[in-house]
Amino acid sequence: MILSNTTWHCRSQVDLALVRVTLHAQSMDAIHLDRGCKGTIRRLEVVGNGGGVGPGGDAVKVHDGAHDLRILGGTIDCGEKAPGKHQDAIQAMGGSDVIFEDIDSRYCANSFMFINSGRNRRGLPTQVQCIGCTAATRNYSIFVGRSVDSGARQSSFSSRVPPRTDEHAVRAVLQNNVWKPRSS
C-alpha cells in the first residue's frame, strides 16, 4: 500500500508487506490505526525530511478499537510541524495489544511516543509498546500517561526530555532503554 498526500485509515484486518505514506507540505496526520484495525504490517514507512516532506501533524495515531496489531519494522519521519499541531511520531489515545518493533524515527517536534487516554477518556491504551526502536525527537522521547502496560523497551532515544511517566500510568513499560540528552 503506497499513498501520497492522503491519510491512511486502517479499519479492518490487515496482512501487508508495506504501508508507505508520503505527504508534501501537508498539516495532516499520515496514518490512523482505527477501530477494527488488527493483523500484521511487516514494514511501515512514513516518509519525512523535517521540512517540506512528511506529516505536519502526527505520523501515526492509535485510536480506541485498534487491537492485536504488529508492525514489524520501518521508519516514521515527520515534516515541518504545522501551526497548532503538536506532532508525535506515534500518538496512542487507545488501542489494545498494538506492538511496534524496530522502528527508526527522526524530525518529529514533540515526541516519539505520546501515550495517554483519548479525549474524555474514551480510549485507554493497553499494551501499546515499541520494542527495539530508535528515535531522535525535539521534546519528549516517550511520555506514558493514563494507560496500562504501555511504553517502550530495549530502545534508544535522543531528546530534550528523558522517557517519563505520570501517576496515571498503570505498570508503565520503560525497560532497558538508552536515552541521550539533546539540546534542541
N, C-alpha and C. Protein backbone atom coordinates (compact mmCIF):
# COMPACT_ATOMS: atom_id res chain seq x y z
N MET A 1 0.85 -1.16 0.00
CA MET A 1 0.00 0.00 0.00
C MET A 1 0.91 1.23 0.00
N ILE A 2 0.85 2.01 -1.06
CA ILE A 2 1.66 3.22 -1.17
C ILE A 2 0.72 4.38 -1.46
N LEU A 3 0.74 5.39 -0.55
CA LEU A 3 -0.15 6.54 -0.68
C LEU A 3 0.63 7.84 -0.68
N SER A 4 0.09 8.83 -1.35
CA SER A 4 0.69 10.16 -1.38
C SER A 4 -0.37 11.20 -1.10
N ASN A 5 -0.07 12.12 -0.19
CA ASN A 5 -0.92 13.27 0.14
C ASN A 5 -2.32 12.90 0.62
N THR A 6 -2.41 11.79 1.34
CA THR A 6 -3.67 11.39 1.96
C THR A 6 -3.35 10.60 3.24
N THR A 7 -4.24 10.68 4.21
CA THR A 7 -4.09 9.91 5.45
C THR A 7 -4.59 8.49 5.20
N TRP A 8 -3.81 7.49 5.61
CA TRP A 8 -4.27 6.12 5.51
C TRP A 8 -5.00 5.75 6.78
N HIS A 9 -6.21 5.20 6.65
CA HIS A 9 -7.02 4.73 7.77
C HIS A 9 -7.08 3.21 7.72
N CYS A 10 -6.59 2.57 8.76
CA CYS A 10 -6.70 1.12 8.89
C CYS A 10 -7.92 0.85 9.76
N ARG A 11 -8.93 0.14 9.19
CA ARG A 11 -10.18 -0.12 9.91
C ARG A 11 -10.60 -1.58 9.88
N SER A 12 -9.71 -2.46 9.41
CA SER A 12 -10.07 -3.88 9.30
C SER A 12 -8.81 -4.72 9.45
N GLN A 13 -8.96 -6.01 9.33
CA GLN A 13 -7.81 -6.91 9.42
C GLN A 13 -6.87 -6.66 8.25
N VAL A 14 -5.56 -6.63 8.56
CA VAL A 14 -4.55 -6.41 7.52
C VAL A 14 -3.47 -7.48 7.61
N ASP A 15 -2.87 -7.78 6.48
CA ASP A 15 -1.67 -8.59 6.38
C ASP A 15 -0.91 -7.98 5.21
N LEU A 16 -0.11 -6.95 5.50
CA LEU A 16 0.52 -6.15 4.47
C LEU A 16 2.04 -6.19 4.57
N ALA A 17 2.69 -6.29 3.43
CA ALA A 17 4.15 -6.26 3.39
C ALA A 17 4.66 -4.84 3.62
N LEU A 18 3.95 -3.84 3.09
CA LEU A 18 4.41 -2.46 3.17
C LEU A 18 3.24 -1.49 3.22
N VAL A 19 3.35 -0.53 4.13
CA VAL A 19 2.48 0.65 4.11
C VAL A 19 3.43 1.84 4.08
N ARG A 20 3.36 2.64 3.00
CA ARG A 20 4.19 3.84 2.87
C ARG A 20 3.29 5.03 2.59
N VAL A 21 3.42 6.07 3.42
CA VAL A 21 2.66 7.31 3.23
C VAL A 21 3.64 8.46 3.10
N THR A 22 3.50 9.23 2.02
CA THR A 22 4.31 10.42 1.79
C THR A 22 3.38 11.62 1.67
N LEU A 23 3.59 12.60 2.53
CA LEU A 23 2.82 13.85 2.47
C LEU A 23 3.76 14.98 2.08
N HIS A 24 3.29 15.88 1.22
CA HIS A 24 4.09 17.02 0.79
C HIS A 24 3.43 18.30 1.30
N ALA A 25 4.13 18.98 2.23
CA ALA A 25 3.66 20.26 2.79
C ALA A 25 2.21 20.15 3.27
N GLN A 26 1.90 19.10 4.00
CA GLN A 26 0.55 18.85 4.50
C GLN A 26 0.51 18.96 6.01
N SER A 27 -0.52 19.57 6.56
CA SER A 27 -0.64 19.68 8.02
C SER A 27 -1.32 18.46 8.63
N MET A 28 -1.71 17.50 7.82
CA MET A 28 -2.48 16.36 8.31
C MET A 28 -1.60 15.28 8.95
N ASP A 29 -2.28 14.30 9.56
CA ASP A 29 -1.62 13.10 10.08
C ASP A 29 -1.39 12.14 8.90
N ALA A 30 -0.41 11.26 9.04
CA ALA A 30 -0.13 10.31 7.97
C ALA A 30 -0.96 9.03 8.08
N ILE A 31 -1.06 8.45 9.29
CA ILE A 31 -1.70 7.14 9.45
C ILE A 31 -2.58 7.15 10.69
N HIS A 32 -3.80 6.62 10.56
CA HIS A 32 -4.70 6.41 11.69
C HIS A 32 -4.99 4.92 11.79
N LEU A 33 -4.65 4.34 12.94
CA LEU A 33 -4.99 2.96 13.23
C LEU A 33 -6.30 3.00 14.02
N ASP A 34 -7.40 2.77 13.33
CA ASP A 34 -8.74 2.99 13.87
C ASP A 34 -9.38 1.70 14.37
N ARG A 35 -10.60 1.84 14.90
CA ARG A 35 -11.37 0.70 15.40
C ARG A 35 -11.43 -0.39 14.33
N GLY A 36 -11.10 -1.62 14.73
CA GLY A 36 -11.14 -2.76 13.82
C GLY A 36 -9.81 -3.08 13.17
N CYS A 37 -8.84 -2.18 13.27
CA CYS A 37 -7.53 -2.43 12.68
C CYS A 37 -6.81 -3.50 13.49
N LYS A 38 -6.41 -4.59 12.85
CA LYS A 38 -5.68 -5.67 13.51
C LYS A 38 -4.91 -6.44 12.46
N GLY A 39 -3.95 -7.24 12.89
CA GLY A 39 -3.19 -8.06 11.96
C GLY A 39 -1.71 -7.72 11.97
N THR A 40 -1.10 -7.71 10.77
CA THR A 40 0.34 -7.53 10.65
C THR A 40 0.67 -6.57 9.52
N ILE A 41 1.59 -5.65 9.81
CA ILE A 41 2.21 -4.80 8.80
C ILE A 41 3.71 -5.07 8.94
N ARG A 42 4.30 -5.68 7.92
CA ARG A 42 5.71 -6.05 8.03
C ARG A 42 6.64 -4.85 7.94
N ARG A 43 6.29 -3.82 7.17
CA ARG A 43 7.11 -2.61 7.11
C ARG A 43 6.19 -1.40 6.98
N LEU A 44 6.43 -0.43 7.87
CA LEU A 44 5.67 0.83 7.89
C LEU A 44 6.64 1.95 7.59
N GLU A 45 6.32 2.79 6.61
CA GLU A 45 7.18 3.92 6.26
C GLU A 45 6.34 5.19 6.19
N VAL A 46 6.63 6.13 7.07
CA VAL A 46 6.10 7.48 6.96
C VAL A 46 7.29 8.32 6.53
N VAL A 47 7.24 8.80 5.29
CA VAL A 47 8.37 9.50 4.69
C VAL A 47 8.37 10.95 5.14
N GLY A 48 9.53 11.43 5.64
CA GLY A 48 9.66 12.82 6.05
C GLY A 48 11.10 13.27 6.07
N ASN A 49 11.30 14.59 5.95
CA ASN A 49 12.66 15.13 5.95
C ASN A 49 12.84 16.30 6.91
N GLY A 50 11.85 16.52 7.78
CA GLY A 50 11.92 17.64 8.71
C GLY A 50 11.55 18.97 8.08
N GLY A 51 11.27 18.96 6.79
CA GLY A 51 10.91 20.18 6.05
C GLY A 51 9.62 19.99 5.27
N GLY A 52 9.69 20.12 3.95
CA GLY A 52 8.50 20.08 3.11
C GLY A 52 7.94 18.71 2.82
N VAL A 53 8.61 17.66 3.25
CA VAL A 53 8.10 16.30 3.06
C VAL A 53 7.84 15.68 4.42
N GLY A 54 6.65 15.13 4.58
CA GLY A 54 6.30 14.45 5.83
C GLY A 54 5.09 15.09 6.48
N PRO A 55 4.51 14.40 7.43
CA PRO A 55 3.32 14.94 8.10
C PRO A 55 3.65 16.16 8.96
N GLY A 56 2.81 17.17 8.87
CA GLY A 56 2.92 18.33 9.76
C GLY A 56 2.20 18.08 11.07
N GLY A 57 1.32 17.07 11.08
CA GLY A 57 0.65 16.61 12.29
C GLY A 57 1.35 15.36 12.80
N ASP A 58 0.59 14.49 13.44
CA ASP A 58 1.17 13.24 13.94
C ASP A 58 1.44 12.29 12.79
N ALA A 59 2.47 11.48 12.93
CA ALA A 59 2.76 10.48 11.90
C ALA A 59 1.78 9.30 12.02
N VAL A 60 1.65 8.73 13.22
CA VAL A 60 0.76 7.59 13.44
C VAL A 60 -0.08 7.86 14.68
N LYS A 61 -1.41 7.69 14.53
CA LYS A 61 -2.32 7.78 15.68
C LYS A 61 -2.94 6.42 15.90
N VAL A 62 -2.88 5.96 17.16
CA VAL A 62 -3.51 4.70 17.55
C VAL A 62 -4.80 5.06 18.29
N HIS A 63 -5.94 4.69 17.70
CA HIS A 63 -7.23 5.03 18.29
C HIS A 63 -7.85 3.84 19.02
N ASP A 64 -8.84 4.15 19.84
CA ASP A 64 -9.59 3.13 20.56
C ASP A 64 -10.18 2.14 19.55
N GLY A 65 -10.04 0.86 19.83
CA GLY A 65 -10.60 -0.17 18.95
C GLY A 65 -9.57 -0.82 18.04
N ALA A 66 -8.40 -0.21 17.86
CA ALA A 66 -7.31 -0.91 17.16
C ALA A 66 -6.80 -1.96 18.13
N HIS A 67 -6.54 -3.18 17.65
CA HIS A 67 -6.14 -4.24 18.58
C HIS A 67 -5.39 -5.35 17.87
N ASP A 68 -4.60 -6.09 18.64
CA ASP A 68 -3.89 -7.26 18.12
C ASP A 68 -3.19 -6.95 16.80
N LEU A 69 -2.37 -5.91 16.82
CA LEU A 69 -1.69 -5.43 15.63
C LEU A 69 -0.19 -5.44 15.86
N ARG A 70 0.57 -5.95 14.88
CA ARG A 70 2.03 -5.97 14.94
C ARG A 70 2.58 -5.22 13.74
N ILE A 71 3.43 -4.23 14.03
CA ILE A 71 4.19 -3.53 13.00
C ILE A 71 5.63 -3.99 13.20
N LEU A 72 6.20 -4.69 12.22
CA LEU A 72 7.44 -5.42 12.41
C LEU A 72 8.71 -4.65 12.04
N GLY A 73 8.59 -3.41 11.62
CA GLY A 73 9.76 -2.61 11.31
C GLY A 73 9.41 -1.43 10.44
N GLY A 74 10.39 -0.51 10.30
CA GLY A 74 10.16 0.60 9.40
C GLY A 74 10.72 1.92 9.90
N THR A 75 10.27 3.00 9.26
CA THR A 75 10.69 4.35 9.61
C THR A 75 9.47 5.24 9.77
N ILE A 76 9.55 6.14 10.74
CA ILE A 76 8.49 7.12 10.96
C ILE A 76 9.17 8.47 11.09
N ASP A 77 9.16 9.24 10.01
CA ASP A 77 9.80 10.56 9.99
C ASP A 77 8.75 11.62 9.72
N CYS A 78 8.93 12.79 10.34
CA CYS A 78 7.97 13.88 10.19
C CYS A 78 8.49 14.95 9.25
N GLY A 79 7.58 15.81 8.81
CA GLY A 79 7.92 17.01 8.06
C GLY A 79 7.96 18.19 9.01
N GLU A 80 7.87 19.39 8.46
CA GLU A 80 7.83 20.59 9.29
C GLU A 80 6.53 20.60 10.08
N LYS A 81 6.60 20.91 11.38
CA LYS A 81 5.42 20.94 12.24
C LYS A 81 4.47 22.03 11.78
N ALA A 82 3.21 21.66 11.60
CA ALA A 82 2.18 22.62 11.20
C ALA A 82 1.74 23.46 12.40
N PRO A 83 1.36 24.71 12.18
CA PRO A 83 0.87 25.55 13.29
C PRO A 83 -0.31 24.87 14.00
N GLY A 84 -0.28 24.92 15.32
CA GLY A 84 -1.36 24.35 16.12
C GLY A 84 -1.29 22.85 16.34
N LYS A 85 -0.35 22.17 15.71
CA LYS A 85 -0.18 20.73 15.89
C LYS A 85 0.92 20.48 16.92
N HIS A 86 0.90 19.30 17.55
CA HIS A 86 2.00 19.03 18.47
C HIS A 86 2.92 17.92 17.99
N GLN A 87 2.60 17.23 16.96
CA GLN A 87 3.45 16.36 16.15
C GLN A 87 4.26 15.30 16.89
N ASP A 88 3.63 14.16 17.06
CA ASP A 88 4.29 12.97 17.60
C ASP A 88 4.56 11.98 16.47
N ALA A 89 5.59 11.17 16.61
CA ALA A 89 5.78 10.07 15.67
C ALA A 89 4.64 9.07 15.87
N ILE A 90 4.38 8.69 17.13
CA ILE A 90 3.27 7.78 17.46
C ILE A 90 2.50 8.39 18.62
N GLN A 91 1.22 8.64 18.41
CA GLN A 91 0.35 9.12 19.49
C GLN A 91 -0.71 8.05 19.72
N ALA A 92 -0.69 7.45 20.90
CA ALA A 92 -1.65 6.39 21.23
C ALA A 92 -2.66 6.93 22.22
N MET A 93 -3.91 7.04 21.78
CA MET A 93 -5.00 7.52 22.63
C MET A 93 -5.96 6.37 22.95
N GLY A 94 -5.62 5.19 22.49
CA GLY A 94 -6.42 4.00 22.69
C GLY A 94 -5.64 2.83 22.12
N GLY A 95 -6.34 1.75 21.88
CA GLY A 95 -5.70 0.56 21.30
C GLY A 95 -5.36 -0.46 22.36
N SER A 96 -5.33 -1.71 21.93
CA SER A 96 -5.03 -2.82 22.83
C SER A 96 -4.14 -3.82 22.09
N ASP A 97 -2.99 -4.12 22.70
CA ASP A 97 -2.04 -5.06 22.12
C ASP A 97 -1.60 -4.61 20.72
N VAL A 98 -1.08 -3.37 20.67
CA VAL A 98 -0.53 -2.80 19.44
C VAL A 98 0.97 -2.66 19.67
N ILE A 99 1.75 -3.45 18.94
CA ILE A 99 3.19 -3.53 19.16
C ILE A 99 3.94 -3.06 17.92
N PHE A 100 4.81 -2.08 18.12
CA PHE A 100 5.71 -1.58 17.08
C PHE A 100 7.08 -2.18 17.39
N GLU A 101 7.75 -2.72 16.38
CA GLU A 101 9.09 -3.28 16.57
C GLU A 101 10.06 -2.65 15.57
N ASP A 102 11.28 -2.40 16.04
CA ASP A 102 12.37 -1.96 15.16
C ASP A 102 11.98 -0.77 14.28
N ILE A 103 11.45 0.26 14.89
CA ILE A 103 11.10 1.50 14.19
C ILE A 103 12.21 2.52 14.41
N ASP A 104 12.63 3.17 13.34
CA ASP A 104 13.56 4.30 13.40
C ASP A 104 12.77 5.57 13.10
N SER A 105 13.02 6.64 13.87
CA SER A 105 12.24 7.86 13.70
C SER A 105 13.10 9.10 13.90
N ARG A 106 12.82 10.14 13.08
CA ARG A 106 13.51 11.43 13.18
C ARG A 106 12.53 12.56 12.88
N TYR A 107 12.93 13.75 13.29
CA TYR A 107 12.31 15.02 12.89
C TYR A 107 10.97 15.36 13.54
N CYS A 108 10.41 14.55 14.41
CA CYS A 108 9.11 14.89 14.99
C CYS A 108 9.31 15.89 16.13
N ALA A 109 8.47 16.92 16.16
CA ALA A 109 8.67 18.06 17.06
C ALA A 109 8.40 17.74 18.52
N ASN A 110 7.39 16.95 18.83
CA ASN A 110 7.07 16.73 20.23
C ASN A 110 7.70 15.47 20.78
N SER A 111 7.21 14.31 20.38
CA SER A 111 7.73 13.08 20.99
C SER A 111 7.74 11.94 19.99
N PHE A 112 8.49 10.91 20.35
CA PHE A 112 8.44 9.67 19.57
C PHE A 112 7.14 8.94 19.89
N MET A 113 6.88 8.70 21.18
CA MET A 113 5.62 8.07 21.58
C MET A 113 4.97 8.91 22.68
N PHE A 114 3.74 9.31 22.44
CA PHE A 114 2.94 10.01 23.43
C PHE A 114 1.74 9.11 23.68
N ILE A 115 1.70 8.51 24.87
CA ILE A 115 0.67 7.52 25.21
C ILE A 115 -0.19 8.08 26.34
N ASN A 116 -1.47 8.26 26.07
CA ASN A 116 -2.38 8.82 27.07
C ASN A 116 -3.81 8.62 26.58
N SER A 117 -4.74 8.39 27.48
CA SER A 117 -6.12 8.16 27.08
C SER A 117 -6.62 9.31 26.22
N GLY A 118 -7.54 8.99 25.32
CA GLY A 118 -8.09 9.99 24.41
C GLY A 118 -8.98 10.99 25.12
N ARG A 119 -9.49 11.93 24.35
CA ARG A 119 -10.38 12.96 24.91
C ARG A 119 -11.54 12.32 25.65
N ASN A 120 -11.90 12.94 26.74
CA ASN A 120 -12.98 12.45 27.60
C ASN A 120 -12.74 11.00 28.03
N ARG A 121 -11.46 10.58 27.99
CA ARG A 121 -11.05 9.23 28.41
C ARG A 121 -11.81 8.13 27.69
N ARG A 122 -12.14 8.35 26.43
CA ARG A 122 -12.88 7.34 25.65
C ARG A 122 -12.05 6.10 25.39
N GLY A 123 -10.75 6.26 25.25
CA GLY A 123 -9.89 5.12 24.99
C GLY A 123 -8.81 5.02 26.06
N LEU A 124 -8.41 3.82 26.37
CA LEU A 124 -7.32 3.59 27.33
C LEU A 124 -6.27 2.72 26.65
N PRO A 125 -5.14 3.31 26.25
CA PRO A 125 -4.09 2.49 25.63
C PRO A 125 -3.69 1.36 26.57
N THR A 126 -3.76 0.14 26.07
CA THR A 126 -3.43 -1.04 26.85
C THR A 126 -2.46 -1.91 26.05
N GLN A 127 -1.28 -2.10 26.58
CA GLN A 127 -0.20 -2.84 25.93
C GLN A 127 0.08 -2.27 24.53
N VAL A 128 0.30 -0.96 24.50
CA VAL A 128 0.79 -0.29 23.29
C VAL A 128 2.27 -0.05 23.55
N GLN A 129 3.13 -0.71 22.78
CA GLN A 129 4.56 -0.68 23.08
C GLN A 129 5.40 -0.58 21.81
N CYS A 130 6.62 -0.07 22.00
CA CYS A 130 7.64 -0.12 20.96
C CYS A 130 8.82 -0.91 21.51
N ILE A 131 9.29 -1.85 20.74
CA ILE A 131 10.39 -2.73 21.15
C ILE A 131 11.53 -2.58 20.14
N GLY A 132 12.71 -2.25 20.62
CA GLY A 132 13.86 -2.13 19.74
C GLY A 132 13.81 -0.94 18.81
N CYS A 133 13.24 0.16 19.27
CA CYS A 133 13.08 1.35 18.43
C CYS A 133 14.23 2.34 18.67
N THR A 134 14.45 3.21 17.69
CA THR A 134 15.47 4.25 17.78
C THR A 134 14.83 5.55 17.31
N ALA A 135 14.95 6.62 18.13
CA ALA A 135 14.31 7.87 17.75
C ALA A 135 15.09 9.08 18.22
N ALA A 136 15.08 10.10 17.38
CA ALA A 136 15.61 11.42 17.72
C ALA A 136 14.47 12.41 17.55
N THR A 137 14.03 13.01 18.65
CA THR A 137 12.93 13.98 18.64
C THR A 137 13.35 15.24 19.37
N ARG A 138 12.59 16.31 19.18
CA ARG A 138 12.98 17.59 19.78
C ARG A 138 12.58 17.71 21.24
N ASN A 139 11.49 17.11 21.66
CA ASN A 139 10.98 17.34 23.01
C ASN A 139 11.06 16.07 23.84
N TYR A 140 9.99 15.30 23.90
CA TYR A 140 9.95 14.05 24.67
C TYR A 140 10.43 12.88 23.83
N SER A 141 11.02 11.92 24.48
CA SER A 141 11.28 10.65 23.81
C SER A 141 10.00 9.82 23.94
N ILE A 142 9.65 9.47 25.17
CA ILE A 142 8.43 8.70 25.47
C ILE A 142 7.72 9.38 26.63
N PHE A 143 6.43 9.61 26.49
CA PHE A 143 5.60 10.03 27.61
C PHE A 143 4.51 9.00 27.78
N VAL A 144 4.40 8.43 28.98
CA VAL A 144 3.38 7.43 29.27
C VAL A 144 2.46 8.00 30.34
N GLY A 145 1.25 8.37 29.93
CA GLY A 145 0.23 8.88 30.84
C GLY A 145 -0.79 7.80 31.14
N ARG A 146 -2.06 8.18 31.19
CA ARG A 146 -3.15 7.26 31.53
C ARG A 146 -3.18 6.10 30.52
N SER A 147 -2.72 4.93 30.97
CA SER A 147 -2.62 3.74 30.12
C SER A 147 -2.32 2.54 31.01
N VAL A 148 -2.28 1.36 30.39
CA VAL A 148 -1.95 0.12 31.10
C VAL A 148 -0.90 -0.64 30.29
N ASP A 149 0.19 -1.05 30.95
CA ASP A 149 1.22 -1.89 30.34
C ASP A 149 1.74 -1.33 29.01
N SER A 150 1.94 -0.02 28.94
CA SER A 150 2.34 0.61 27.69
C SER A 150 3.66 1.36 27.85
N GLY A 151 4.39 1.54 26.73
CA GLY A 151 5.65 2.27 26.75
C GLY A 151 6.63 1.70 25.75
N ALA A 152 7.92 1.67 26.14
CA ALA A 152 8.97 1.19 25.23
C ALA A 152 9.99 0.39 26.02
N ARG A 153 10.60 -0.57 25.33
CA ARG A 153 11.68 -1.34 25.93
C ARG A 153 12.73 -1.65 24.88
N GLN A 154 13.96 -1.81 25.38
CA GLN A 154 15.11 -2.14 24.53
C GLN A 154 15.24 -1.17 23.36
N SER A 155 15.02 0.13 23.66
CA SER A 155 15.03 1.16 22.63
C SER A 155 16.06 2.23 22.97
N SER A 156 16.36 3.09 22.00
CA SER A 156 17.36 4.12 22.16
C SER A 156 16.78 5.46 21.70
N PHE A 157 16.94 6.50 22.56
CA PHE A 157 16.32 7.79 22.28
C PHE A 157 17.28 8.94 22.47
N SER A 158 17.09 9.97 21.67
CA SER A 158 17.77 11.25 21.83
C SER A 158 16.68 12.32 21.81
N SER A 159 16.59 13.09 22.92
CA SER A 159 15.54 14.11 23.03
C SER A 159 15.92 15.08 24.15
N ARG A 160 15.13 16.14 24.26
CA ARG A 160 15.35 17.11 25.34
C ARG A 160 14.93 16.52 26.69
N VAL A 161 13.85 15.74 26.71
CA VAL A 161 13.28 15.19 27.94
C VAL A 161 13.41 13.67 27.92
N PRO A 162 13.93 13.06 28.99
CA PRO A 162 14.05 11.59 29.00
C PRO A 162 12.69 10.91 29.06
N PRO A 163 12.65 9.61 28.79
CA PRO A 163 11.39 8.88 28.93
C PRO A 163 10.80 9.11 30.31
N ARG A 164 9.48 9.35 30.34
CA ARG A 164 8.87 9.60 31.64
C ARG A 164 7.43 9.10 31.65
N THR A 165 6.94 8.98 32.87
CA THR A 165 5.57 8.53 33.08
C THR A 165 4.94 9.42 34.14
N ASP A 166 3.64 9.35 34.26
CA ASP A 166 2.98 10.08 35.35
C ASP A 166 2.17 9.12 36.21
N GLU A 167 1.53 9.64 37.21
CA GLU A 167 0.85 8.81 38.20
C GLU A 167 -0.38 8.07 37.65
N HIS A 168 -0.82 8.42 36.44
CA HIS A 168 -2.00 7.77 35.87
C HIS A 168 -1.65 6.51 35.06
N ALA A 169 -0.38 6.27 34.84
CA ALA A 169 0.04 5.08 34.11
C ALA A 169 0.05 3.87 35.04
N VAL A 170 -0.53 2.79 34.59
CA VAL A 170 -0.55 1.54 35.34
C VAL A 170 0.48 0.60 34.71
N ARG A 171 1.47 0.21 35.49
CA ARG A 171 2.56 -0.67 35.05
C ARG A 171 3.20 -0.16 33.75
N ALA A 172 3.61 1.10 33.77
CA ALA A 172 4.28 1.67 32.60
C ALA A 172 5.48 0.82 32.21
N VAL A 173 5.70 0.67 30.92
CA VAL A 173 6.81 -0.13 30.41
C VAL A 173 7.91 0.84 29.94
N LEU A 174 8.95 0.96 30.74
CA LEU A 174 10.13 1.75 30.38
C LEU A 174 11.35 0.95 30.82
N GLN A 175 11.66 -0.11 30.05
CA GLN A 175 12.69 -1.07 30.46
C GLN A 175 13.81 -1.17 29.44
N ASN A 176 15.05 -1.16 29.94
CA ASN A 176 16.24 -1.39 29.14
C ASN A 176 16.34 -0.42 27.96
N ASN A 177 15.97 0.85 28.21
CA ASN A 177 16.09 1.88 27.19
C ASN A 177 17.36 2.70 27.44
N VAL A 178 17.90 3.28 26.39
CA VAL A 178 19.04 4.18 26.48
C VAL A 178 18.56 5.55 26.03
N TRP A 179 18.88 6.58 26.81
CA TRP A 179 18.48 7.94 26.47
C TRP A 179 19.69 8.85 26.45
N LYS A 180 19.79 9.69 25.43
CA LYS A 180 20.87 10.66 25.31
C LYS A 180 20.24 12.05 25.22
N PRO A 181 20.67 13.01 26.07
CA PRO A 181 20.07 14.34 26.02
C PRO A 181 20.40 15.08 24.72
N ARG A 182 19.44 15.85 24.30
CA ARG A 182 19.58 16.65 23.08
C ARG A 182 19.24 18.09 23.43
N SER A 183 20.01 19.04 22.99
CA SER A 183 19.81 20.44 23.40
C SER A 183 18.72 21.14 22.62
N SER A 184 18.40 20.70 21.41
CA SER A 184 17.35 21.40 20.64
C SER A 184 16.34 20.45 20.07
